[in-house]
């Protein structure tokens, strides 16, 4: 895959896209950091958080891999 980006790092994702395809955006991305999902996650008990992490372990592993790869590029 030539390009992928992460929504929490939109400016870096835009830069990598532009460099990968030798294109320039006319308007830069705007970074929006507020998400309701993290606010909801923070309100859960430790046991609930652990269960969610266990159920989503492969997704978390993929995300961590993608984030590491993106910052290597």
C-alpha atoms as a PDB file:
ATOM      1  CA  UNK A   1       0.000   0.000   0.000  1.00  0.00           C
ATOM      2  CA  UNK A   2       1.583   3.268  -1.075  1.00  0.00           C
ATOM      3  CA  UNK A   3      -0.188   5.450   1.455  1.00  0.00           C
ATOM      4  CA  UNK A   4      -2.231   5.325   4.610  1.00  0.00           C
ATOM      5  CA  UNK A   5      -2.844   7.913   7.292  1.00  0.00           C
ATOM      6  CA  UNK A   6      -4.157   8.205  10.809  1.00  0.00           C
ATOM      7  CA  UNK A   7      -6.956  10.585  11.695  1.00  0.00           C
ATOM      8  CA  UNK A   8      -5.271  11.691  14.904  1.00  0.00           C
ATOM      9  CA  UNK A   9      -2.201  12.737  12.887  1.00  0.00           C
ATOM     10  CA  UNK A  10      -3.880  14.441   9.947  1.00  0.00           C
ATOM     11  CA  UNK A  11      -1.151  16.979   9.226  1.00  0.00           C
ATOM     12  CA  UNK A  12       1.554  14.300   9.179  1.00  0.00           C
ATOM     13  CA  UNK A  13      -0.701  12.091   7.038  1.00  0.00           C
ATOM     14  CA  UNK A  14      -1.179  14.949   4.579  1.00  0.00           C
ATOM     15  CA  UNK A  15       2.579  15.529   4.384  1.00  0.00           C
ATOM     16  CA  UNK A  16       3.256  11.835   3.725  1.00  0.00           C
ATOM     17  CA  UNK A  17       0.533  11.773   1.035  1.00  0.00           C
ATOM     18  CA  UNK A  18       1.990  14.833  -0.676  1.00  0.00           C
ATOM     19  CA  UNK A  19       5.521  13.414  -0.628  1.00  0.00           C
ATOM     20  CA  UNK A  20       4.422   9.933  -1.728  1.00  0.00           C
ATOM     21  CA  UNK A  21       2.480  11.146  -4.768  1.00  0.00           C
ATOM     22  CA  UNK A  22       4.348  14.411  -5.422  1.00  0.00           C
ATOM     23  CA  UNK A  23       1.117  16.384  -5.074  1.00  0.00           C
ATOM     24  CA  UNK A  24       0.204  19.414  -2.965  1.00  0.00           C
ATOM     25  CA  UNK A  25      -3.140  20.114  -1.316  1.00  0.00           C
ATOM     26  CA  UNK A  26      -4.595  23.565  -1.931  1.00  0.00           C
ATOM     27  CA  UNK A  27      -5.996  23.627   1.608  1.00  0.00           C
ATOM     28  CA  UNK A  28      -4.226  21.964   4.541  1.00  0.00           C
ATOM     29  CA  UNK A  29      -6.066  19.437   6.686  1.00  0.00           C
ATOM     30  CA  UNK A  30      -7.507  20.682   9.942  1.00  0.00           C
ATOM     31  CA  UNK A  31      -6.712  18.632  13.024  1.00  0.00           C
ATOM     32  CA  UNK A  32      -9.750  17.764  15.142  1.00  0.00           C
ATOM     33  CA  UNK A  33      -8.756  16.082  18.395  1.00  0.00           C
ATOM     34  CA  UNK A  34     -12.005  15.860  20.307  1.00  0.00           C
ATOM     35  CA  UNK A  35     -13.733  12.507  20.170  1.00  0.00           C
ATOM     36  CA  UNK A  36     -16.634  11.291  22.216  1.00  0.00           C
ATOM     37  CA  UNK A  37     -15.369   7.717  22.178  1.00  0.00           C
ATOM     38  CA  UNK A  38     -12.335   8.538  24.329  1.00  0.00           C
ATOM     39  CA  UNK A  39     -14.493  10.439  26.797  1.00  0.00           C
ATOM     40  CA  UNK A  40     -16.776   7.411  27.052  1.00  0.00           C
ATOM     41  CA  UNK A  41     -13.804   5.040  27.395  1.00  0.00           C
ATOM     42  CA  UNK A  42     -12.369   7.130  30.237  1.00  0.00           C
ATOM     43  CA  UNK A  43     -15.609   6.751  32.182  1.00  0.00           C
ATOM     44  CA  UNK A  44     -15.459   2.917  32.176  1.00  0.00           C
ATOM     45  CA  UNK A  45     -14.200   0.775  35.031  1.00  0.00           C
ATOM     46  CA  UNK A  46     -10.778  -0.885  34.807  1.00  0.00           C
ATOM     47  CA  UNK A  47     -12.443  -4.297  34.283  1.00  0.00           C
ATOM     48  CA  UNK A  48     -14.574  -2.953  31.420  1.00  0.00           C
ATOM     49  CA  UNK A  49     -11.531  -1.352  29.766  1.00  0.00           C
ATOM     50  CA  UNK A  50      -9.584  -4.601  30.057  1.00  0.00           C
ATOM     51  CA  UNK A  51     -12.408  -6.600  28.464  1.00  0.00           C
ATOM     52  CA  UNK A  52     -12.661  -4.150  25.558  1.00  0.00           C
ATOM     53  CA  UNK A  53      -8.903  -4.291  25.027  1.00  0.00           C
ATOM     54  CA  UNK A  54      -8.958  -8.105  25.077  1.00  0.00           C
ATOM     55  CA  UNK A  55     -11.785  -8.301  22.537  1.00  0.00           C
ATOM     56  CA  UNK A  56     -10.016  -5.794  20.264  1.00  0.00           C
ATOM     57  CA  UNK A  57      -6.456  -7.068  20.747  1.00  0.00           C
ATOM     58  CA  UNK A  58      -5.828  -7.716  17.038  1.00  0.00           C
ATOM     59  CA  UNK A  59      -7.191  -4.294  16.059  1.00  0.00           C
ATOM     60  CA  UNK A  60      -4.948  -2.659  18.646  1.00  0.00           C
ATOM     61  CA  UNK A  61      -1.949  -4.610  17.362  1.00  0.00           C
ATOM     62  CA  UNK A  62      -2.673  -3.519  13.781  1.00  0.00           C
ATOM     63  CA  UNK A  63      -3.116   0.110  14.848  1.00  0.00           C
ATOM     64  CA  UNK A  64       0.188   0.079  16.783  1.00  0.00           C
ATOM     65  CA  UNK A  65       1.960  -1.433  13.763  1.00  0.00           C
ATOM     66  CA  UNK A  66       0.457   1.183  11.425  1.00  0.00           C
ATOM     67  CA  UNK A  67       1.411   4.037  13.740  1.00  0.00           C
ATOM     68  CA  UNK A  68       5.014   2.784  14.010  1.00  0.00           C
ATOM     69  CA  UNK A  69       5.215   2.351  10.246  1.00  0.00           C
ATOM     70  CA  UNK A  70       3.788   5.801   9.568  1.00  0.00           C
ATOM     71  CA  UNK A  71       6.405   7.478  11.757  1.00  0.00           C
ATOM     72  CA  UNK A  72       9.178   5.483  10.079  1.00  0.00           C
ATOM     73  CA  UNK A  73       8.122   6.918   6.734  1.00  0.00           C
END
